[in-house]
Amino acid sequence: MSKNKPLEYYLALPYPIMLIPDREDGTWYAKIPLLPGCMSDGATPDEAIDNVNEAKALWLQVALEEEDRIPEPEPLDALLAR
């Protein structure tokens, strides 16, 4: 039995996004390291972030359907204390 919370809970969490420019073609690559395989790209940083947020929603939906464990980001104060 899954101990996961509802989709809305995970969608509201502030998952860190890694944003990387592609210097060869000018596009942007975005990924959410805590969600393995959750990545996308875009012509601009904003587009890449929008696209990876769509990918995040799909990633979370599949994880919930499969009853996979879904990692949660650490609270910001814990990250800043490092």
PDB file of N, CA and C in Angstrom:
ATOM      1  N   MET A   1       0.846  -1.192   0.000  1.00  0.00           N
ATOM      2  CA  MET A   1       0.000   0.000   0.000  1.00  0.00           C
ATOM      3  C   MET A   1       0.889   1.252   0.000  1.00  0.00           C
ATOM      4  N   SER A   2       0.533   2.184  -0.836  1.00  0.00           N
ATOM      5  CA  SER A   2       1.314   3.411  -0.982  1.00  0.00           C
ATOM      6  C   SER A   2       1.130   4.335   0.217  1.00  0.00           C
ATOM      7  N   LYS A   3       2.218   4.977   0.604  1.00  0.00           N
ATOM      8  CA  LYS A   3       2.151   5.980   1.670  1.00  0.00           C
ATOM      9  C   LYS A   3       2.264   7.376   1.073  1.00  0.00           C
ATOM     10  N   ASN A   4       2.078   7.460  -0.238  1.00  0.00           N
ATOM     11  CA  ASN A   4       2.157   8.752  -0.902  1.00  0.00           C
ATOM     12  C   ASN A   4       0.952   9.620  -0.562  1.00  0.00           C
ATOM     13  N   LYS A   5       1.170  10.902  -0.694  1.00  0.00           N
ATOM     14  CA  LYS A   5       0.115  11.889  -0.465  1.00  0.00           C
ATOM     15  C   LYS A   5      -0.565  12.205  -1.808  1.00  0.00           C
ATOM     16  N   PRO A   6      -1.612  13.027  -1.815  1.00  0.00           N
ATOM     17  CA  PRO A   6      -2.288  13.373  -3.080  1.00  0.00           C
ATOM     18  C   PRO A   6      -1.379  14.166  -4.032  1.00  0.00           C
ATOM     19  N   LEU A   7      -1.703  14.108  -5.307  1.00  0.00           N
ATOM     20  CA  LEU A   7      -0.938  14.801  -6.344  1.00  0.00           C
ATOM     21  C   LEU A   7      -0.789  16.284  -6.038  1.00  0.00           C
ATOM     22  N   GLU A   8      -1.850  16.927  -5.590  1.00  0.00           N
ATOM     23  CA  GLU A   8      -1.825  18.367  -5.312  1.00  0.00           C
ATOM     24  C   GLU A   8      -0.755  18.718  -4.274  1.00  0.00           C
ATOM     25  N   TYR A   9      -0.551  17.835  -3.310  1.00  0.00           N
ATOM     26  CA  TYR A   9       0.473  18.061  -2.291  1.00  0.00           C
ATOM     27  C   TYR A   9       1.848  18.177  -2.948  1.00  0.00           C
ATOM     28  N   TYR A  10       2.186  17.199  -3.800  1.00  0.00           N
ATOM     29  CA  TYR A  10       3.507  17.187  -4.440  1.00  0.00           C
ATOM     30  C   TYR A  10       3.664  18.335  -5.434  1.00  0.00           C
ATOM     31  N   LEU A  11       2.593  18.677  -6.142  1.00  0.00           N
ATOM     32  CA  LEU A  11       2.680  19.782  -7.098  1.00  0.00           C
ATOM     33  C   LEU A  11       2.973  21.105  -6.407  1.00  0.00           C
ATOM     34  N   ALA A  12       2.570  21.243  -5.158  1.00  0.00           N
ATOM     35  CA  ALA A  12       2.789  22.488  -4.416  1.00  0.00           C
ATOM     36  C   ALA A  12       4.183  22.566  -3.791  1.00  0.00           C
ATOM     37  N   LEU A  13       4.921  21.471  -3.773  1.00  0.00           N
ATOM     38  CA  LEU A  13       6.252  21.485  -3.159  1.00  0.00           C
ATOM     39  C   LEU A  13       7.257  22.222  -4.054  1.00  0.00           C
ATOM     40  N   PRO A  14       8.201  22.916  -3.438  1.00  0.00           N
ATOM     41  CA  PRO A  14       9.197  23.678  -4.217  1.00  0.00           C
ATOM     42  C   PRO A  14      10.394  22.810  -4.622  1.00  0.00           C
ATOM     43  N   TYR A  15      10.187  21.940  -5.593  1.00  0.00           N
ATOM     44  CA  TYR A  15      11.295  21.107  -6.075  1.00  0.00           C
ATOM     45  C   TYR A  15      12.319  21.995  -6.774  1.00  0.00           C
ATOM     46  N   PRO A  16      13.592  21.889  -6.392  1.00  0.00           N
ATOM     47  CA  PRO A  16      14.627  22.672  -7.075  1.00  0.00           C
ATOM     48  C   PRO A  16      14.760  22.241  -8.537  1.00  0.00           C
ATOM     49  N   ILE A  17      14.937  23.211  -9.404  1.00  0.00           N
ATOM     50  CA  ILE A  17      15.108  22.967 -10.833  1.00  0.00           C
ATOM     51  C   ILE A  17      16.512  23.375 -11.233  1.00  0.00           C
ATOM     52  N   MET A  18      17.192  22.481 -11.939  1.00  0.00           N
ATOM     53  CA  MET A  18      18.518  22.784 -12.479  1.00  0.00           C
ATOM     54  C   MET A  18      18.311  23.291 -13.904  1.00  0.00           C
ATOM     55  N   LEU A  19      18.842  24.457 -14.209  1.00  0.00           N
ATOM     56  CA  LEU A  19      18.676  25.091 -15.519  1.00  0.00           C
ATOM     57  C   LEU A  19      20.049  25.272 -16.150  1.00  0.00           C
ATOM     58  N   ILE A  20      20.220  24.698 -17.350  1.00  0.00           N
ATOM     59  CA  ILE A  20      21.535  24.695 -17.997  1.00  0.00           C
ATOM     60  C   ILE A  20      21.406  25.197 -19.430  1.00  0.00           C
ATOM     61  N   PRO A  21      22.199  26.210 -19.805  1.00  0.00           N
ATOM     62  CA  PRO A  21      22.149  26.671 -21.200  1.00  0.00           C
ATOM     63  C   PRO A  21      22.939  25.738 -22.117  1.00  0.00           C
ATOM     64  N   ASP A  22      22.457  25.561 -23.336  1.00  0.00           N
ATOM     65  CA  ASP A  22      23.204  24.832 -24.358  1.00  0.00           C
ATOM     66  C   ASP A  22      23.911  25.880 -25.200  1.00  0.00           C
ATOM     67  N   ARG A  23      25.197  25.992 -25.044  1.00  0.00           N
ATOM     68  CA  ARG A  23      25.958  27.060 -25.708  1.00  0.00           C
ATOM     69  C   ARG A  23      26.033  26.881 -27.220  1.00  0.00           C
ATOM     70  N   GLU A  24      25.793  25.657 -27.687  1.00  0.00           N
ATOM     71  CA  GLU A  24      25.881  25.418 -29.129  1.00  0.00           C
ATOM     72  C   GLU A  24      24.660  25.923 -29.881  1.00  0.00           C
ATOM     73  N   ASP A  25      23.468  25.666 -29.357  1.00  0.00           N
ATOM     74  CA  ASP A  25      22.274  26.064 -30.108  1.00  0.00           C
ATOM     75  C   ASP A  25      21.400  27.093 -29.389  1.00  0.00           C
ATOM     76  N   GLY A  26      21.797  27.533 -28.200  1.00  0.00           N
ATOM     77  CA  GLY A  26      21.077  28.580 -27.495  1.00  0.00           C
ATOM     78  C   GLY A  26      19.830  28.137 -26.749  1.00  0.00           C
ATOM     79  N   THR A  27      19.523  26.854 -26.769  1.00  0.00           N
ATOM     80  CA  THR A  27      18.363  26.378 -26.019  1.00  0.00           C
ATOM     81  C   THR A  27      18.731  26.192 -24.554  1.00  0.00           C
ATOM     82  N   TRP A  28      17.727  25.896 -23.747  1.00  0.00           N
ATOM     83  CA  TRP A  28      17.920  25.700 -22.314  1.00  0.00           C
ATOM     84  C   TRP A  28      17.411  24.324 -21.918  1.00  0.00           C
ATOM     85  N   TYR A  29      18.129  23.683 -21.026  1.00  0.00           N
ATOM     86  CA  TYR A  29      17.810  22.361 -20.525  1.00  0.00           C
ATOM     87  C   TYR A  29      17.435  22.520 -19.055  1.00  0.00           C
ATOM     88  N   ALA A  30      16.335  21.893 -18.637  1.00  0.00           N
ATOM     89  CA  ALA A  30      15.901  21.974 -17.249  1.00  0.00           C
ATOM     90  C   ALA A  30      15.622  20.573 -16.725  1.00  0.00           C
ATOM     91  N   LYS A  31      16.015  20.331 -15.484  1.00  0.00           N
ATOM     92  CA  LYS A  31      15.712  19.040 -14.874  1.00  0.00           C
ATOM     93  C   LYS A  31      15.461  19.219 -13.391  1.00  0.00           C
ATOM     94  N   ILE A  32      14.753  18.256 -12.828  1.00  0.00           N
ATOM     95  CA  ILE A  32      14.485  18.238 -11.391  1.00  0.00           C
ATOM     96  C   ILE A  32      15.258  17.041 -10.837  1.00  0.00           C
ATOM     97  N   PRO A  33      16.433  17.278 -10.249  1.00  0.00           N
ATOM     98  CA  PRO A  33      17.286  16.188  -9.817  1.00  0.00           C
ATOM     99  C   PRO A  33      16.629  15.201  -8.836  1.00  0.00           C
ATOM    100  N   LEU A  34      15.713  15.665  -8.008  1.00  0.00           N
ATOM    101  CA  LEU A  34      15.072  14.766  -7.048  1.00  0.00           C
ATOM    102  C   LEU A  34      14.109  13.779  -7.699  1.00  0.00           C
ATOM    103  N   LEU A  35      13.699  14.060  -8.930  1.00  0.00           N
ATOM    104  CA  LEU A  35      12.767  13.187  -9.640  1.00  0.00           C
ATOM    105  C   LEU A  35      13.505  12.591 -10.844  1.00  0.00           C
ATOM    106  N   PRO A  36      14.117  11.426 -10.674  1.00  0.00           N
ATOM    107  CA  PRO A  36      14.957  10.845 -11.727  1.00  0.00           C
ATOM    108  C   PRO A  36      14.246  10.768 -13.085  1.00  0.00           C
ATOM    109  N   GLY A  37      14.909  11.316 -14.103  1.00  0.00           N
ATOM    110  CA  GLY A  37      14.372  11.297 -15.449  1.00  0.00           C
ATOM    111  C   GLY A  37      13.425  12.436 -15.760  1.00  0.00           C
ATOM    112  N   CYS A  38      13.161  13.309 -14.793  1.00  0.00           N
ATOM    113  CA  CYS A  38      12.245  14.430 -15.009  1.00  0.00           C
ATOM    114  C   CYS A  38      13.040  15.593 -15.579  1.00  0.00           C
ATOM    115  N   MET A  39      12.886  15.797 -16.905  1.00  0.00           N
ATOM    116  CA  MET A  39      13.659  16.830 -17.582  1.00  0.00           C
ATOM    117  C   MET A  39      12.915  17.324 -18.801  1.00  0.00           C
ATOM    118  N   SER A  40      13.318  18.476 -19.287  1.00  0.00           N
ATOM    119  CA  SER A  40      12.746  19.041 -20.499  1.00  0.00           C
ATOM    120  C   SER A  40      13.694  20.118 -21.014  1.00  0.00           C
ATOM    121  N   ASP A  41      13.267  20.808 -22.066  1.00  0.00           N
ATOM    122  CA  ASP A  41      14.078  21.901 -22.590  1.00  0.00           C
ATOM    123  C   ASP A  41      13.156  22.971 -23.157  1.00  0.00           C
ATOM    124  N   GLY A  42      13.760  24.054 -23.610  1.00  0.00           N
ATOM    125  CA  GLY A  42      12.985  25.137 -24.186  1.00  0.00           C
ATOM    126  C   GLY A  42      13.897  26.142 -24.856  1.00  0.00           C
ATOM    127  N   ALA A  43      13.297  27.004 -25.640  1.00  0.00           N
ATOM    128  CA  ALA A  43      14.057  28.032 -26.353  1.00  0.00           C
ATOM    129  C   ALA A  43      14.553  29.129 -25.421  1.00  0.00           C
ATOM    130  N   THR A  44      13.864  29.311 -24.290  1.00  0.00           N
ATOM    131  CA  THR A  44      14.242  30.324 -23.307  1.00  0.00           C
ATOM    132  C   THR A  44      14.243  29.676 -21.926  1.00  0.00           C
ATOM    133  N   PRO A  45      14.857  30.314 -20.930  1.00  0.00           N
ATOM    134  CA  PRO A  45      14.804  29.755 -19.570  1.00  0.00           C
ATOM    135  C   PRO A  45      13.363  29.586 -19.074  1.00  0.00           C
ATOM    136  N   ASP A  46      12.515  30.583 -19.328  1.00  0.00           N
ATOM    137  CA  ASP A  46      11.122  30.483 -18.879  1.00  0.00           C
ATOM    138  C   ASP A  46      10.397  29.314 -19.535  1.00  0.00           C
ATOM    139  N   GLU A  47      10.623  29.128 -20.825  1.00  0.00           N
ATOM    140  CA  GLU A  47       9.977  28.019 -21.532  1.00  0.00           C
ATOM    141  C   GLU A  47      10.475  26.677 -20.997  1.00  0.00           C
ATOM    142  N   ALA A  48      11.770  26.570 -20.737  1.00  0.00           N
ATOM    143  CA  ALA A  48      12.320  25.328 -20.190  1.00  0.00           C
ATOM    144  C   ALA A  48      11.728  25.030 -18.816  1.00  0.00           C
ATOM    145  N   ILE A  49      11.566  26.058 -17.991  1.00  0.00           N
ATOM    146  CA  ILE A  49      10.976  25.870 -16.663  1.00  0.00           C
ATOM    147  C   ILE A  49       9.509  25.474 -16.777  1.00  0.00           C
ATOM    148  N   ASP A  50       8.761  26.133 -17.654  1.00  0.00           N
ATOM    149  CA  ASP A  50       7.356  25.754 -17.863  1.00  0.00           C
ATOM    150  C   ASP A  50       7.257  24.300 -18.315  1.00  0.00           C
ATOM    151  N   ASN A  51       8.130  23.909 -19.247  1.00  0.00           N
ATOM    152  CA  ASN A  51       8.097  22.550 -19.775  1.00  0.00           C
ATOM    153  C   ASN A  51       8.477  21.514 -18.720  1.00  0.00           C
ATOM    154  N   VAL A  52       9.465  21.830 -17.891  1.00  0.00           N
ATOM    155  CA  VAL A  52       9.855  20.855 -16.868  1.00  0.00           C
ATOM    156  C   VAL A  52       8.780  20.772 -15.784  1.00  0.00           C
ATOM    157  N   ASN A  53       8.052  21.848 -15.543  1.00  0.00           N
ATOM    158  CA  ASN A  53       6.944  21.769 -14.585  1.00  0.00           C
ATOM    159  C   ASN A  53       5.820  20.886 -15.121  1.00  0.00           C
ATOM    160  N   GLU A  54       5.576  20.912 -16.438  1.00  0.00           N
ATOM    161  CA  GLU A  54       4.617  19.982 -17.043  1.00  0.00           C
ATOM    162  C   GLU A  54       5.121  18.549 -16.908  1.00  0.00           C
ATOM    163  N   ALA A  55       6.413  18.350 -17.153  1.00  0.00           N
ATOM    164  CA  ALA A  55       7.001  17.018 -17.010  1.00  0.00           C
ATOM    165  C   ALA A  55       6.909  16.541 -15.561  1.00  0.00           C
ATOM    166  N   LYS A  56       7.078  17.469 -14.612  1.00  0.00           N
ATOM    167  CA  LYS A  56       6.968  17.126 -13.193  1.00  0.00           C
ATOM    168  C   LYS A  56       5.579  16.591 -12.883  1.00  0.00           C
ATOM    169  N   ALA A  57       4.551  17.251 -13.371  1.00  0.00           N
ATOM    170  CA  ALA A  57       3.182  16.804 -13.109  1.00  0.00           C
ATOM    171  C   ALA A  57       2.965  15.396 -13.659  1.00  0.00           C
ATOM    172  N   LEU A  58       3.464  15.137 -14.863  1.00  0.00           N
ATOM    173  CA  LEU A  58       3.328  13.800 -15.443  1.00  0.00           C
ATOM    174  C   LEU A  58       4.141  12.776 -14.665  1.00  0.00           C
ATOM    175  N   TRP A  59       5.353  13.145 -14.277  1.00  0.00           N
ATOM    176  CA  TRP A  59       6.219  12.253 -13.503  1.00  0.00           C
ATOM    177  C   TRP A  59       5.509  11.851 -12.210  1.00  0.00           C
ATOM    178  N   LEU A  60       4.947  12.838 -11.522  1.00  0.00           N
ATOM    179  CA  LEU A  60       4.266  12.580 -10.255  1.00  0.00           C
ATOM    180  C   LEU A  60       3.019  11.721 -10.455  1.00  0.00           C
ATOM    181  N   GLN A  61       2.253  11.979 -11.505  1.00  0.00           N
ATOM    182  CA  GLN A  61       1.057  11.175 -11.773  1.00  0.00           C
ATOM    183  C   GLN A  61       1.414   9.711 -11.968  1.00  0.00           C
ATOM    184  N   VAL A  62       2.446   9.454 -12.759  1.00  0.00           N
ATOM    185  CA  VAL A  62       2.870   8.080 -13.010  1.00  0.00           C
ATOM    186  C   VAL A  62       3.378   7.438 -11.721  1.00  0.00           C
ATOM    187  N   ALA A  63       4.173   8.159 -10.953  1.00  0.00           N
ATOM    188  CA  ALA A  63       4.691   7.625  -9.693  1.00  0.00           C
ATOM    189  C   ALA A  63       3.552   7.255  -8.744  1.00  0.00           C
ATOM    190  N   LEU A  64       2.523   8.085  -8.682  1.00  0.00           N
ATOM    191  CA  LEU A  64       1.375   7.781  -7.828  1.00  0.00           C
ATOM    192  C   LEU A  64       0.623   6.560  -8.339  1.00  0.00           C
ATOM    193  N   GLU A  65       0.421   6.471  -9.656  1.00  0.00           N
ATOM    194  CA  GLU A  65      -0.268   5.316 -10.230  1.00  0.00           C
ATOM    195  C   GLU A  65       0.499   4.025  -9.967  1.00  0.00           C
ATOM    196  N   GLU A  66       1.824   4.102 -10.054  1.00  0.00           N
ATOM    197  CA  GLU A  66       2.679   2.923  -9.854  1.00  0.00           C
ATOM    198  C   GLU A  66       2.985   2.677  -8.373  1.00  0.00           C
ATOM    199  N   GLU A  67       2.517   3.573  -7.527  1.00  0.00           N
ATOM    200  CA  GLU A  67       2.781   3.534  -6.083  1.00  0.00           C
ATOM    201  C   GLU A  67       4.273   3.538  -5.766  1.00  0.00           C
ATOM    202  N   ASP A  68       5.028   4.297  -6.582  1.00  0.00           N
ATOM    203  CA  ASP A  68       6.460   4.479  -6.336  1.00  0.00           C
ATOM    204  C   ASP A  68       6.649   5.495  -5.221  1.00  0.00           C
ATOM    205  N   ARG A  69       7.777   5.390  -4.541  1.00  0.00           N
ATOM    206  CA  ARG A  69       8.109   6.381  -3.521  1.00  0.00           C
ATOM    207  C   ARG A  69       8.440   7.694  -4.212  1.00  0.00           C
ATOM    208  N   ILE A  70       7.882   8.772  -3.693  1.00  0.00           N
ATOM    209  CA  ILE A  70       8.123  10.099  -4.258  1.00  0.00           C
ATOM    210  C   ILE A  70       8.968  10.899  -3.275  1.00  0.00           C
ATOM    211  N   PRO A  71      10.193  11.260  -3.677  1.00  0.00           N
ATOM    212  CA  PRO A  71      11.035  12.059  -2.779  1.00  0.00           C
ATOM    213  C   PRO A  71      10.492  13.476  -2.643  1.00  0.00           C
ATOM    214  N   GLU A  72      10.710  14.052  -1.472  1.00  0.00           N
ATOM    215  CA  GLU A  72      10.294  15.425  -1.217  1.00  0.00           C
ATOM    216  C   GLU A  72      11.526  16.297  -1.022  1.00  0.00           C
ATOM    217  N   PRO A  73      11.465  17.551  -1.476  1.00  0.00           N
ATOM    218  CA  PRO A  73      12.604  18.449  -1.256  1.00  0.00           C
ATOM    219  C   PRO A  73      12.753  18.771   0.220  1.00  0.00           C
ATOM    220  N   GLU A  74      14.004  19.057   0.580  1.00  0.00           N
ATOM    221  CA  GLU A  74      14.256  19.461   1.966  1.00  0.00           C
ATOM    222  C   GLU A  74      13.734  20.884   2.166  1.00  0.00           C
ATOM    223  N   PRO A  75      13.321  21.213   3.377  1.00  0.00           N
ATOM    224  CA  PRO A  75      12.903  22.597   3.643  1.00  0.00           C
ATOM    225  C   PRO A  75      14.058  23.558   3.368  1.00  0.00           C
ATOM    226  N   LEU A  76      13.729  24.746   2.905  1.00  0.00           N
ATOM    227  CA  LEU A  76      14.744  25.736   2.539  1.00  0.00           C
ATOM    228  C   LEU A  76      15.689  26.054   3.691  1.00  0.00           C
ATOM    229  N   ASP A  77      15.159  26.142   4.916  1.00  0.00           N
ATOM    230  CA  ASP A  77      16.030  26.470   6.046  1.00  0.00           C
ATOM    231  C   ASP A  77      17.060  25.376   6.276  1.00  0.00           C
ATOM    232  N   ALA A  78      16.725  24.124   5.998  1.00  0.00           N
ATOM    233  CA  ALA A  78      17.695  23.027   6.136  1.00  0.00           C
ATOM    234  C   ALA A  78      18.776  23.145   5.087  1.00  0.00           C
ATOM    235  N   LEU A  79      18.400  23.521   3.872  1.00  0.00           N
ATOM    236  CA  LEU A  79      19.389  23.684   2.806  1.00  0.00           C
ATOM    237  C   LEU A  79      20.322  24.855   3.083  1.00  0.00           C
ATOM    238  N   LEU A  80      19.776  25.947   3.600  1.00  0.00           N
ATOM    239  CA  LEU A  80      20.582  27.137   3.877  1.00  0.00           C
ATOM    240  C   LEU A  80      21.518  26.949   5.063  1.00  0.00           C
ATOM    241  N   ALA A  81      21.177  26.010   5.949  1.00  0.00           N
ATOM    242  CA  ALA A  81      21.991  25.771   7.131  1.00  0.00           C
ATOM    243  C   ALA A  81      23.260  24.984   6.808  1.00  0.00           C
ATOM    244  N   ARG A  82      23.358  24.456   5.618  1.00  0.00           N
ATOM    245  CA  ARG A  82      24.546  23.655   5.236  1.00  0.00           C
ATOM    246  C   ARG A  82      25.745  24.510   4.992  1.00  0.00           C
TER     247      ARG A  82
END
